[in-house]
Amino acid sequence: MSDDRGLAEAIRRHEERLARDPESLAFAQLADLYRKAGRTADAVGLCREGLHRWPHYTTARLILAKTLLAEGQLEGAQAELDAILQTSSKDVQCHRLAAEVHRRAGRLDAAVAHLEKAVGLDPGDRESNALLSLLRGDPAAPGDAAGLARVLGDDTFATLSFGTLCLEQGLADEAALVLARVVRRSPENAEARERLEAALRARSRRRG
């Protein structure tokens, strides 16, 4: 509750600031606060209005991309990220977000390419490194169980049902590995894409 009050207070302060100076770049910070509060339509509208005046303001474009992604507008989010990368090709955060957009759309090769760039720019990015192993389909990625690794390396088990079983058993890494292979083989399979995202969320929760 206190977090909600703090967010509401921050929104109020930024709204007042923007009202005093409508040409201020503060619109981006306000849009981000709207996004965090779940007011995605307000965030998108504010970003688009601000970017009309400040088209090269990368921070606002990135916030817009995050908001569109939260709304499931993958192509719109990708268009904003592509615009950033045209002028800021070494933006690590942008590459990470582009990888997520492509992954959710089932374009795993493109997701891997962006993760590779992110890791190249930030070698200490352990999360991107781990995701790379999973999305590449490396059977050694999940852990130490050699027998399970052999099973995961067998295409016979690269099925939606086996990936779902792994997820239900709490084997988030293994589920992600299997489901990534299913998505790579059938990127149009919406259920496989959804299960892959569920496995990655479970993995993220487990790692804290």
C-alpha atoms as a PDB file:
ATOM      1  CA  MET A   1       0.000   0.000   0.000  1.00  0.00           C
ATOM      2  CA  SER A   2       2.817   2.400   0.865  1.00  0.00           C
ATOM      3  CA  ASP A   3       4.397   1.671  -2.524  1.00  0.00           C
ATOM      4  CA  ASP A   4       1.116   2.569  -4.231  1.00  0.00           C
ATOM      5  CA  ARG A   5       0.933   5.822  -2.296  1.00  0.00           C
ATOM      6  CA  GLY A   6       4.532   6.633  -3.167  1.00  0.00           C
ATOM      7  CA  LEU A   7       3.881   5.983  -6.845  1.00  0.00           C
ATOM      8  CA  ALA A   8       0.736   8.124  -6.802  1.00  0.00           C
ATOM      9  CA  GLU A   9       2.643  10.942  -5.110  1.00  0.00           C
ATOM     10  CA  ALA A  10       5.461  10.731  -7.654  1.00  0.00           C
ATOM     11  CA  ILE A  11       2.925  10.878 -10.489  1.00  0.00           C
ATOM     12  CA  ARG A  12       1.310  13.946  -8.940  1.00  0.00           C
ATOM     13  CA  ARG A  13       4.658  15.744  -8.607  1.00  0.00           C
ATOM     14  CA  HIS A  14       5.654  14.995 -12.204  1.00  0.00           C
ATOM     15  CA  GLU A  15       2.258  16.026 -13.530  1.00  0.00           C
ATOM     16  CA  GLU A  16       2.614  19.361 -11.748  1.00  0.00           C
ATOM     17  CA  ARG A  17       6.128  19.788 -13.097  1.00  0.00           C
ATOM     18  CA  LEU A  18       5.006  19.086 -16.651  1.00  0.00           C
ATOM     19  CA  ALA A  19       2.053  21.423 -16.258  1.00  0.00           C
ATOM     20  CA  ARG A  20       4.453  24.226 -15.293  1.00  0.00           C
ATOM     21  CA  ASP A  21       6.720  23.504 -18.257  1.00  0.00           C
ATOM     22  CA  PRO A  22       4.900  21.595 -21.036  1.00  0.00           C
ATOM     23  CA  GLU A  23       8.054  21.596 -23.202  1.00  0.00           C
ATOM     24  CA  SER A  24      10.074  19.819 -20.492  1.00  0.00           C
ATOM     25  CA  LEU A  25      11.666  16.420 -21.050  1.00  0.00           C
ATOM     26  CA  ALA A  26       9.968  15.387 -17.800  1.00  0.00           C
ATOM     27  CA  PHE A  27       7.235  13.797 -19.920  1.00  0.00           C
ATOM     28  CA  ALA A  28       9.386  10.662 -20.180  1.00  0.00           C
ATOM     29  CA  GLN A  29       9.674  10.199 -16.428  1.00  0.00           C
ATOM     30  CA  LEU A  30       5.935  10.757 -16.047  1.00  0.00           C
ATOM     31  CA  ALA A  31       5.207   8.241 -18.800  1.00  0.00           C
ATOM     32  CA  ASP A  32       7.398   5.681 -17.038  1.00  0.00           C
ATOM     33  CA  LEU A  33       5.500   6.264 -13.803  1.00  0.00           C
ATOM     34  CA  TYR A  34       2.225   5.782 -15.676  1.00  0.00           C
ATOM     35  CA  ARG A  35       3.617   2.507 -17.078  1.00  0.00           C
ATOM     36  CA  LYS A  36       4.563   1.271 -13.609  1.00  0.00           C
ATOM     37  CA  ALA A  37       1.105   2.201 -12.340  1.00  0.00           C
ATOM     38  CA  GLY A  38      -0.539   0.167 -15.104  1.00  0.00           C
ATOM     39  CA  ARG A  39      -1.780   3.262 -16.933  1.00  0.00           C
ATOM     40  CA  THR A  40      -0.347   2.048 -20.217  1.00  0.00           C
ATOM     41  CA  ALA A  41      -2.669   4.047 -22.489  1.00  0.00           C
ATOM     42  CA  ASP A  42      -1.636   7.265 -20.714  1.00  0.00           C
ATOM     43  CA  ALA A  43       2.037   6.268 -20.965  1.00  0.00           C
ATOM     44  CA  VAL A  44       1.815   5.552 -24.696  1.00  0.00           C
ATOM     45  CA  GLY A  45      -0.059   8.777 -25.420  1.00  0.00           C
ATOM     46  CA  LEU A  46       2.381  10.894 -23.434  1.00  0.00           C
ATOM     47  CA  CYS A  47       5.421   9.281 -25.059  1.00  0.00           C
ATOM     48  CA  ARG A  48       4.052   9.742 -28.569  1.00  0.00           C
ATOM     49  CA  GLU A  49       3.179  13.363 -27.881  1.00  0.00           C
ATOM     50  CA  GLY A  50       6.611  14.062 -26.398  1.00  0.00           C
ATOM     51  CA  LEU A  51       8.476  12.243 -29.156  1.00  0.00           C
ATOM     52  CA  HIS A  52       6.668  14.393 -31.696  1.00  0.00           C
ATOM     53  CA  ARG A  53       8.562  17.327 -30.170  1.00  0.00           C
ATOM     54  CA  TRP A  54      11.743  15.428 -29.244  1.00  0.00           C
ATOM     55  CA  PRO A  55      12.094  12.603 -31.818  1.00  0.00           C
ATOM     56  CA  HIS A  56      15.676  11.771 -30.834  1.00  0.00           C
ATOM     57  CA  TYR A  57      15.004  11.382 -27.101  1.00  0.00           C
ATOM     58  CA  THR A  58      16.095   7.757 -26.700  1.00  0.00           C
ATOM     59  CA  THR A  59      14.891   7.388 -23.103  1.00  0.00           C
ATOM     60  CA  ALA A  60      11.318   8.241 -24.078  1.00  0.00           C
ATOM     61  CA  ARG A  61      11.432   5.851 -27.044  1.00  0.00           C
ATOM     62  CA  LEU A  62      12.676   3.054 -24.779  1.00  0.00           C
ATOM     63  CA  ILE A  63       9.874   3.721 -22.289  1.00  0.00           C
ATOM     64  CA  LEU A  64       7.400   3.628 -25.169  1.00  0.00           C
ATOM     65  CA  ALA A  65       8.831   0.283 -26.308  1.00  0.00           C
ATOM     66  CA  LYS A  66       8.525  -1.145 -22.777  1.00  0.00           C
ATOM     67  CA  THR A  67       4.923   0.045 -22.548  1.00  0.00           C
ATOM     68  CA  LEU A  68       3.951  -1.392 -25.916  1.00  0.00           C
ATOM     69  CA  LEU A  69       5.590  -4.677 -24.923  1.00  0.00           C
ATOM     70  CA  ALA A  70       3.574  -4.713 -21.690  1.00  0.00           C
ATOM     71  CA  GLU A  71       0.429  -4.322 -23.811  1.00  0.00           C
ATOM     72  CA  GLY A  72       1.485  -7.188 -26.069  1.00  0.00           C
ATOM     73  CA  GLN A  73       2.077  -4.906 -29.051  1.00  0.00           C
ATOM     74  CA  LEU A  74       5.248  -6.697 -30.112  1.00  0.00           C
ATOM     75  CA  GLU A  75       5.654  -5.200 -33.569  1.00  0.00           C
ATOM     76  CA  GLY A  76       5.109  -1.676 -32.280  1.00  0.00           C
ATOM     77  CA  ALA A  77       7.673  -2.230 -29.542  1.00  0.00           C
ATOM     78  CA  GLN A  78      10.144  -3.640 -32.055  1.00  0.00           C
ATOM     79  CA  ALA A  79       9.725  -0.642 -34.341  1.00  0.00           C
ATOM     80  CA  GLU A  80      10.687   1.690 -31.482  1.00  0.00           C
ATOM     81  CA  LEU A  81      13.696  -0.447 -30.543  1.00  0.00           C
ATOM     82  CA  ASP A  82      14.862  -0.602 -34.160  1.00  0.00           C
ATOM     83  CA  ALA A  83      14.702   3.194 -34.294  1.00  0.00           C
ATOM     84  CA  ILE A  84      16.935   3.413 -31.204  1.00  0.00           C
ATOM     85  CA  LEU A  85      19.444   0.858 -32.463  1.00  0.00           C
ATOM     86  CA  GLN A  86      19.821   2.685 -35.769  1.00  0.00           C
ATOM     87  CA  THR A  87      21.562   5.499 -33.931  1.00  0.00           C
ATOM     88  CA  SER A  88      22.644   3.753 -30.695  1.00  0.00           C
ATOM     89  CA  SER A  89      23.824   0.314 -31.750  1.00  0.00           C
ATOM     90  CA  LYS A  90      25.631  -0.269 -28.444  1.00  0.00           C
ATOM     91  CA  ASP A  91      22.614   0.291 -26.201  1.00  0.00           C
ATOM     92  CA  VAL A  92      22.751  -2.854 -24.042  1.00  0.00           C
ATOM     93  CA  GLN A  93      19.332  -2.381 -22.464  1.00  0.00           C
ATOM     94  CA  CYS A  94      17.806  -1.958 -25.900  1.00  0.00           C
ATOM     95  CA  HIS A  95      19.382  -5.202 -27.127  1.00  0.00           C
ATOM     96  CA  ARG A  96      18.046  -7.054 -24.071  1.00  0.00           C
ATOM     97  CA  LEU A  97      14.554  -5.715 -24.653  1.00  0.00           C
ATOM     98  CA  ALA A  98      14.718  -6.476 -28.383  1.00  0.00           C
ATOM     99  CA  ALA A  99      15.697 -10.049 -27.496  1.00  0.00           C
ATOM    100  CA  GLU A 100      12.581 -10.325 -25.325  1.00  0.00           C
ATOM    101  CA  VAL A 101      10.339  -8.948 -28.064  1.00  0.00           C
ATOM    102  CA  HIS A 102      11.698 -11.375 -30.671  1.00  0.00           C
ATOM    103  CA  ARG A 103      11.530 -14.271 -28.205  1.00  0.00           C
ATOM    104  CA  ARG A 104       7.893 -13.613 -27.375  1.00  0.00           C
ATOM    105  CA  ALA A 105       7.131 -13.429 -31.094  1.00  0.00           C
ATOM    106  CA  GLY A 106       8.799 -16.829 -31.615  1.00  0.00           C
ATOM    107  CA  ARG A 107      11.790 -15.409 -33.506  1.00  0.00           C
ATOM    108  CA  LEU A 108      14.445 -17.171 -31.438  1.00  0.00           C
ATOM    109  CA  ASP A 109      17.326 -16.684 -33.880  1.00  0.00           C
ATOM    110  CA  ALA A 110      16.785 -12.917 -33.770  1.00  0.00           C
ATOM    111  CA  ALA A 111      16.488 -13.063 -29.972  1.00  0.00           C
ATOM    112  CA  VAL A 112      19.786 -14.941 -29.756  1.00  0.00           C
ATOM    113  CA  ALA A 113      21.473 -12.375 -32.018  1.00  0.00           C
ATOM    114  CA  HIS A 114      20.445  -9.519 -29.712  1.00  0.00           C
ATOM    115  CA  LEU A 115      21.496 -11.440 -26.601  1.00  0.00           C
ATOM    116  CA  GLU A 116      24.881 -12.104 -28.184  1.00  0.00           C
ATOM    117  CA  LYS A 117      25.293  -8.381 -28.768  1.00  0.00           C
ATOM    118  CA  ALA A 118      24.229  -7.626 -25.191  1.00  0.00           C
ATOM    119  CA  VAL A 119      26.755 -10.110 -23.801  1.00  0.00           C
ATOM    120  CA  GLY A 120      29.459  -8.784 -26.097  1.00  0.00           C
ATOM    121  CA  LEU A 121      28.849  -5.284 -24.776  1.00  0.00           C
ATOM    122  CA  ASP A 122      28.474  -6.433 -21.167  1.00  0.00           C
ATOM    123  CA  PRO A 123      30.361  -9.722 -20.581  1.00  0.00           C
ATOM    124  CA  GLY A 124      29.285  -9.695 -16.931  1.00  0.00           C
ATOM    125  CA  ASP A 125      25.610 -10.011 -17.872  1.00  0.00           C
ATOM    126  CA  ARG A 126      25.028 -13.482 -16.426  1.00  0.00           C
ATOM    127  CA  GLU A 127      21.287 -13.489 -17.068  1.00  0.00           C
ATOM    128  CA  SER A 128      21.723 -12.846 -20.796  1.00  0.00           C
ATOM    129  CA  ASN A 129      24.411 -15.537 -20.912  1.00  0.00           C
ATOM    130  CA  ALA A 130      22.065 -18.037 -19.264  1.00  0.00           C
ATOM    131  CA  LEU A 131      19.221 -17.126 -21.610  1.00  0.00           C
ATOM    132  CA  LEU A 132      21.564 -17.584 -24.555  1.00  0.00           C
ATOM    133  CA  SER A 133      22.277 -21.177 -23.531  1.00  0.00           C
ATOM    134  CA  LEU A 134      18.576 -21.910 -23.131  1.00  0.00           C
ATOM    135  CA  LEU A 135      17.474 -20.322 -26.393  1.00  0.00           C
ATOM    136  CA  ARG A 136      20.292 -21.953 -28.332  1.00  0.00           C
ATOM    137  CA  GLY A 137      19.051 -25.312 -27.064  1.00  0.00           C
ATOM    138  CA  ASP A 138      22.228 -26.256 -25.219  1.00  0.00           C
ATOM    139  CA  PRO A 139      21.325 -29.404 -23.196  1.00  0.00           C
ATOM    140  CA  ALA A 140      24.092 -28.672 -20.705  1.00  0.00           C
ATOM    141  CA  ALA A 141      22.438 -25.408 -19.700  1.00  0.00           C
ATOM    142  CA  PRO A 142      20.002 -26.494 -16.979  1.00  0.00           C
ATOM    143  CA  GLY A 143      22.295 -28.255 -14.539  1.00  0.00           C
ATOM    144  CA  ASP A 144      24.452 -31.120 -13.455  1.00  0.00           C
ATOM    145  CA  ALA A 145      22.309 -34.183 -14.111  1.00  0.00           C
ATOM    146  CA  ALA A 146      24.086 -35.939 -16.963  1.00  0.00           C
ATOM    147  CA  GLY A 147      21.208 -38.374 -17.528  1.00  0.00           C
ATOM    148  CA  LEU A 148      18.676 -35.591 -17.804  1.00  0.00           C
ATOM    149  CA  ALA A 149      20.994 -33.667 -20.109  1.00  0.00           C
ATOM    150  CA  ARG A 150      21.081 -36.657 -22.457  1.00  0.00           C
ATOM    151  CA  VAL A 151      17.277 -36.804 -22.429  1.00  0.00           C
ATOM    152  CA  LEU A 152      17.008 -33.100 -23.119  1.00  0.00           C
ATOM    153  CA  GLY A 153      19.446 -33.460 -26.000  1.00  0.00           C
ATOM    154  CA  ASP A 154      17.202 -36.038 -27.664  1.00  0.00           C
ATOM    155  CA  ASP A 155      14.789 -34.473 -30.163  1.00  0.00           C
ATOM    156  CA  THR A 156      12.267 -37.164 -29.227  1.00  0.00           C
ATOM    157  CA  PHE A 157      11.618 -35.259 -26.012  1.00  0.00           C
ATOM    158  CA  ALA A 158      11.477 -31.786 -27.583  1.00  0.00           C
ATOM    159  CA  THR A 159       7.691 -31.690 -27.344  1.00  0.00           C
ATOM    160  CA  LEU A 160       5.137 -29.346 -25.850  1.00  0.00           C
ATOM    161  CA  SER A 161       3.840 -32.060 -23.535  1.00  0.00           C
ATOM    162  CA  PHE A 162       7.300 -32.912 -22.160  1.00  0.00           C
ATOM    163  CA  GLY A 163       8.142 -29.240 -21.700  1.00  0.00           C
ATOM    164  CA  THR A 164       4.854 -28.738 -19.863  1.00  0.00           C
ATOM    165  CA  LEU A 165       5.588 -31.755 -17.658  1.00  0.00           C
ATOM    166  CA  CYS A 166       8.987 -30.317 -16.728  1.00  0.00           C
ATOM    167  CA  LEU A 167       7.325 -27.000 -15.882  1.00  0.00           C
ATOM    168  CA  GLU A 168       4.677 -28.699 -13.725  1.00  0.00           C
ATOM    169  CA  GLN A 169       7.450 -30.543 -11.861  1.00  0.00           C
ATOM    170  CA  GLY A 170       9.182 -27.262 -11.059  1.00  0.00           C
ATOM    171  CA  LEU A 171      12.036 -27.838 -13.524  1.00  0.00           C
ATOM    172  CA  ALA A 172      11.953 -24.338 -14.968  1.00  0.00           C
ATOM    173  CA  ASP A 173      15.353 -24.405 -16.708  1.00  0.00           C
ATOM    174  CA  GLU A 174      14.689 -27.789 -18.260  1.00  0.00           C
ATOM    175  CA  ALA A 175      11.203 -26.715 -19.341  1.00  0.00           C
ATOM    176  CA  ALA A 176      12.601 -23.556 -20.930  1.00  0.00           C
ATOM    177  CA  LEU A 177      15.214 -25.561 -22.816  1.00  0.00           C
ATOM    178  CA  VAL A 178      12.673 -28.033 -24.177  1.00  0.00           C
ATOM    179  CA  LEU A 179      10.081 -25.378 -25.022  1.00  0.00           C
ATOM    180  CA  ALA A 180      12.667 -23.183 -26.742  1.00  0.00           C
ATOM    181  CA  ARG A 181      13.424 -26.088 -29.073  1.00  0.00           C
ATOM    182  CA  VAL A 182       9.715 -26.532 -29.741  1.00  0.00           C
ATOM    183  CA  VAL A 183       9.316 -22.820 -30.527  1.00  0.00           C
ATOM    184  CA  ARG A 184      12.394 -22.836 -32.744  1.00  0.00           C
ATOM    185  CA  ARG A 185      10.874 -25.697 -34.721  1.00  0.00           C
ATOM    186  CA  SER A 186       7.336 -24.230 -34.758  1.00  0.00           C
ATOM    187  CA  PRO A 187       7.465 -20.466 -34.144  1.00  0.00           C
ATOM    188  CA  GLU A 188       3.778 -20.135 -35.030  1.00  0.00           C
ATOM    189  CA  ASN A 189       2.811 -22.371 -32.065  1.00  0.00           C
ATOM    190  CA  ALA A 190       1.278 -19.785 -29.713  1.00  0.00           C
ATOM    191  CA  GLU A 191       0.811 -22.279 -26.892  1.00  0.00           C
ATOM    192  CA  ALA A 192       4.484 -23.245 -26.993  1.00  0.00           C
ATOM    193  CA  ARG A 193       5.487 -19.576 -26.916  1.00  0.00           C
ATOM    194  CA  GLU A 194       3.226 -18.960 -23.915  1.00  0.00           C
ATOM    195  CA  ARG A 195       4.619 -21.983 -22.065  1.00  0.00           C
ATOM    196  CA  LEU A 196       8.175 -20.846 -22.797  1.00  0.00           C
ATOM    197  CA  GLU A 197       7.408 -17.450 -21.278  1.00  0.00           C
ATOM    198  CA  ALA A 198       5.837 -19.176 -18.254  1.00  0.00           C
ATOM    199  CA  ALA A 199       8.977 -21.289 -17.812  1.00  0.00           C
ATOM    200  CA  LEU A 200      11.213 -18.217 -17.997  1.00  0.00           C
ATOM    201  CA  ARG A 201       9.053 -16.396 -15.448  1.00  0.00           C
ATOM    202  CA  ALA A 202       9.218 -19.399 -13.119  1.00  0.00           C
ATOM    203  CA  ARG A 203      12.965 -19.529 -13.568  1.00  0.00           C
ATOM    204  CA  SER A 204      13.254 -15.834 -12.767  1.00  0.00           C
ATOM    205  CA  ARG A 205      11.133 -16.195  -9.602  1.00  0.00           C
ATOM    206  CA  ARG A 206      13.242 -19.107  -8.408  1.00  0.00           C
ATOM    207  CA  ARG A 207      16.455 -17.178  -8.868  1.00  0.00           C
ATOM    208  CA  GLY A 208      14.983 -14.219  -7.038  1.00  0.00           C
END
